[in-house]
Amino acid sequence: MGSVAAWSDTPLARRLGLRWPIVQAPMAGGPSTPELVAAVSAAGGLGSLAGAMLRPDDLRAAIRRIRERTGAPFVVNLFAPLPPPTTARVAEWSALTGVTPPEPRPPVDVAAQIAVLVEERVPVFGFTFGVPPLDGLEAAGLDMVKVGTATTVAEAVELERAGVDAIVAQGYEAGGHRGTFLAPVDRSLYGTLALVPQVVDAVSVPVIASGGIMDGRGIAAALALGAQAVQLGTAFLRSDEAGTAAAHREALSRGTTITRVLTGRYARAVRTDLVDRLEASGLEPPDYPLPRGLSPEPPMLAGQGGPMARSMPAAELLATLAAETDAVFARFA
């Protein structure tokens, strides 16, 4: 491999069989389609399926749709088990938004989801909001790569103790839900530039930098900080294969905020009139994930780099990101 492309030859990339150490982040609620996951993986990156909101049968079907399109490795991302929501504050929140509460659905069974991953022999298991039960993976004797999400050094250390193979260091700039699980979110808002090198110094497993990375400049910066790969979500929201709604694609050029009013958990999303109105009410939102079903519009989760998102096929974007990173390192060769 030539000197310019040496940046892509990291130990984590070799372990996963990647041409480029670029991960497409899992994006729940529609954007992270099996077609997007397969396109990224087939092009030499690592696609990620947002599986946390999928029932076991739907999760299995999505995994098989990916496999119909590529034999390359991919990630399925789940949430660590969360407390079941109560009905507290639902009525007053419904009155505020004008949306009638939907029929309650039983919570997703994380153990059943993990069983699907085991049965389908998924190559990479990603998770956030803590550590899910991993006993079943070991009992099955699978060589499944486990990747947890940390927003602080303490969380990264905890994930390493739990036996993960790599850690996503999620900076403040990242779109979507904050992966925080050990401390209040307001004490876990570290920028990517500050978080990544501290996590790299604190753990012995590979670190994947996430948050605000939109082009080759950001990729090069993350690798220079010691990351072995990068994870980009917002950069793929305008990809042809993404299930991102038209209004969401257009809104990426607007500002974002971290708020609880859209889902009940802190998440970075596009700031809209609805967000402003809900926050100004002073009402405490219902438990996660109930506010999502009580909203007149879907949450438009996105990171601070939204204005830099590009519209093109995922494989073309991946190749463009790699060429840009080549150019950055060539300038310093």
Foldseek 3Di string as FASTA:
>chain_A
DDPLLVLQPFPVCVVQVASGQEEADADPDFFQALVQQLLQQVLRYAYEHACAPPAQVVLLVRVVSNVVRDPGAYEYEHEADDDDFDCPPVVVLLVLAVADFDDDDDHHDVVSNVVSCLVVLHQEYEYFQADHDDVVVVVSVHNHAYEYEDLALVRLVVVVVVPHQEYEHAALQFWWFDRDHDDDVVVRHHGQLVHQLSNQVRDDHAYEYEHLDQALVSQLSSVVSPHSHYYDHLLCSQAPPTRRDPVLLVLLLAAWDFDCQQANGTGIFHDDPVNVSSVVVVDRHTHGGRNNSSHPDHTSIGGRNSSSHDHYHSSVSVVRRSVRNSVVVVVVD
